[in-house]
C-alpha atoms as a PDB file:
ATOM      1  CA  UNK A   1     166.262 277.353  67.116  1.00  0.00           C
ATOM      2  CA  UNK A   2     170.234 277.410  67.071  1.00  0.00           C
ATOM      3  CA  UNK A   3     170.356 275.611  63.755  1.00  0.00           C
ATOM      4  CA  UNK A   4     167.884 278.375  61.635  1.00  0.00           C
ATOM      5  CA  UNK A   5     169.389 280.913  63.873  1.00  0.00           C
ATOM      6  CA  UNK A   6     173.262 279.353  62.999  1.00  0.00           C
ATOM      7  CA  UNK A   7     172.272 280.412  59.768  1.00  0.00           C
ATOM      8  CA  UNK A   8     171.194 283.249  59.542  1.00  0.00           C
ATOM      9  CA  UNK A   9     174.560 284.532  60.967  1.00  0.00           C
ATOM     10  CA  UNK A  10     175.743 282.067  57.687  1.00  0.00           C
ATOM     11  CA  UNK A  11     173.955 284.315  55.881  1.00  0.00           C
ATOM     12  CA  UNK A  12     174.520 287.967  57.261  1.00  0.00           C
ATOM     13  CA  UNK A  13     178.161 286.809  56.971  1.00  0.00           C
ATOM     14  CA  UNK A  14     177.697 285.980  53.262  1.00  0.00           C
ATOM     15  CA  UNK A  15     175.983 289.169  52.934  1.00  0.00           C
ATOM     16  CA  UNK A  16     178.315 291.418  54.894  1.00  0.00           C
ATOM     17  CA  UNK A  17     181.427 289.627  52.587  1.00  0.00           C
ATOM     18  CA  UNK A  18     179.880 290.222  49.478  1.00  0.00           C
ATOM     19  CA  UNK A  19     178.894 293.595  49.862  1.00  0.00           C
ATOM     20  CA  UNK A  20     182.312 294.799  51.033  1.00  0.00           C
ATOM     21  CA  UNK A  21     183.907 293.195  48.642  1.00  0.00           C
ATOM     22  CA  UNK A  22     181.581 294.276  45.534  1.00  0.00           C
ATOM     23  CA  UNK A  23     182.055 297.774  47.045  1.00  0.00           C
ATOM     24  CA  UNK A  24     185.870 297.476  47.307  1.00  0.00           C
ATOM     25  CA  UNK A  25     186.476 295.958  44.298  1.00  0.00           C
ATOM     26  CA  UNK A  26     184.413 299.134  42.648  1.00  0.00           C
ATOM     27  CA  UNK A  27     185.615 301.693  44.846  1.00  0.00           C
ATOM     28  CA  UNK A  28     182.799 303.172  46.425  1.00  0.00           C
ATOM     29  CA  UNK A  29     183.246 304.463  49.564  1.00  0.00           C
ATOM     30  CA  UNK A  30     180.871 303.159  51.856  1.00  0.00           C
ATOM     31  CA  UNK A  31     179.950 307.216  52.559  1.00  0.00           C
ATOM     32  CA  UNK A  32     179.280 307.510  49.207  1.00  0.00           C
ATOM     33  CA  UNK A  33     176.462 304.723  49.215  1.00  0.00           C
ATOM     34  CA  UNK A  34     174.862 306.245  51.880  1.00  0.00           C
ATOM     35  CA  UNK A  35     175.172 309.436  51.557  1.00  0.00           C
ATOM     36  CA  UNK A  36     174.054 309.033  47.063  1.00  0.00           C
ATOM     37  CA  UNK A  37     171.244 305.857  47.589  1.00  0.00           C
ATOM     38  CA  UNK A  38     169.661 306.468  50.887  1.00  0.00           C
ATOM     39  CA  UNK A  39     170.440 303.490  53.012  1.00  0.00           C
ATOM     40  CA  UNK A  40     171.995 305.340  56.095  1.00  0.00           C
ATOM     41  CA  UNK A  41     174.991 304.770  57.731  1.00  0.00           C
ATOM     42  CA  UNK A  42     174.062 302.468  60.617  1.00  0.00           C
ATOM     43  CA  UNK A  43     172.553 300.334  58.187  1.00  0.00           C
ATOM     44  CA  UNK A  44     175.328 300.010  56.152  1.00  0.00           C
ATOM     45  CA  UNK A  45     177.867 299.659  58.675  1.00  0.00           C
ATOM     46  CA  UNK A  46     175.318 296.626  60.304  1.00  0.00           C
ATOM     47  CA  UNK A  47     175.150 295.042  57.333  1.00  0.00           C
ATOM     48  CA  UNK A  48     178.885 295.486  56.241  1.00  0.00           C
ATOM     49  CA  UNK A  49     179.643 293.384  60.366  1.00  0.00           C
ATOM     50  CA  UNK A  50     177.573 291.208  59.387  1.00  0.00           C
ATOM     51  CA  UNK A  51     175.134 292.418  62.834  1.00  0.00           C
ATOM     52  CA  UNK A  52     172.331 293.518  60.619  1.00  0.00           C
ATOM     53  CA  UNK A  53     169.285 291.306  59.946  1.00  0.00           C
ATOM     54  CA  UNK A  54     168.470 293.171  56.171  1.00  0.00           C
ATOM     55  CA  UNK A  55     164.976 293.494  54.922  1.00  0.00           C
ATOM     56  CA  UNK A  56     164.445 291.802  51.429  1.00  0.00           C
ATOM     57  CA  UNK A  57     163.953 296.126  49.701  1.00  0.00           C
ATOM     58  CA  UNK A  58     167.299 297.052  51.762  1.00  0.00           C
ATOM     59  CA  UNK A  59     169.104 294.010  50.222  1.00  0.00           C
ATOM     60  CA  UNK A  60     167.489 295.874  46.667  1.00  0.00           C
ATOM     61  CA  UNK A  61     168.466 298.678  47.220  1.00  0.00           C
ATOM     62  CA  UNK A  62     172.220 297.423  47.728  1.00  0.00           C
ATOM     63  CA  UNK A  63     172.159 295.578  44.706  1.00  0.00           C
ATOM     64  CA  UNK A  64     171.408 298.751  42.426  1.00  0.00           C
ATOM     65  CA  UNK A  65     174.265 301.105  44.919  1.00  0.00           C
ATOM     66  CA  UNK A  66     176.330 298.918  43.615  1.00  0.00           C
ATOM     67  CA  UNK A  67     174.920 298.848  40.145  1.00  0.00           C
ATOM     68  CA  UNK A  68     174.066 295.888  39.780  1.00  0.00           C
ATOM     69  CA  UNK A  69     170.667 293.282  39.156  1.00  0.00           C
ATOM     70  CA  UNK A  70     168.878 291.752  42.542  1.00  0.00           C
ATOM     71  CA  UNK A  71     169.564 288.557  39.867  1.00  0.00           C
ATOM     72  CA  UNK A  72     172.932 289.576  39.512  1.00  0.00           C
ATOM     73  CA  UNK A  73     173.683 290.519  43.352  1.00  0.00           C
ATOM     74  CA  UNK A  74     171.551 287.731  44.355  1.00  0.00           C
ATOM     75  CA  UNK A  75     174.060 285.161  42.472  1.00  0.00           C
ATOM     76  CA  UNK A  76     177.775 286.743  43.980  1.00  0.00           C
ATOM     77  CA  UNK A  77     175.767 285.739  47.404  1.00  0.00           C
ATOM     78  CA  UNK A  78     174.984 282.323  46.308  1.00  0.00           C
ATOM     79  CA  UNK A  79     178.335 281.744  45.983  1.00  0.00           C
ATOM     80  CA  UNK A  80     179.755 282.784  48.553  1.00  0.00           C
ATOM     81  CA  UNK A  81     176.677 280.527  50.095  1.00  0.00           C
ATOM     82  CA  UNK A  82     177.429 277.275  48.929  1.00  0.00           C
ATOM     83  CA  UNK A  83     175.265 275.076  46.910  1.00  0.00           C
ATOM     84  CA  UNK A  84     174.513 273.469  49.595  1.00  0.00           C
ATOM     85  CA  UNK A  85     172.685 276.542  51.599  1.00  0.00           C
ATOM     86  CA  UNK A  86     169.130 276.735  52.801  1.00  0.00           C
ATOM     87  CA  UNK A  87     167.891 278.758  55.634  1.00  0.00           C
ATOM     88  CA  UNK A  88     164.560 275.991  55.664  1.00  0.00           C
ATOM     89  CA  UNK A  89     165.252 272.245  56.646  1.00  0.00           C
ATOM     90  CA  UNK A  90     163.483 270.294  54.629  1.00  0.00           C
END
């Protein structure tokens, strides 16, 4: 169970880093992102601080709000996590 919790933490930290980096690179304020794309300021803050287990639909909304296709956003996420990352042990 601890290994699974650690992997979820790793995923959340990578999601936080990628989201914040892309938002700051594009010079999009957190307020604009939350207000214009209905993400909720609390949700975005929790995502960027890695304290939120996002639903798939929320991650999709974040990617669109950042002007990316979900596949593009997930590629940034995969790159951050590394090739050997898996949520499920085999």
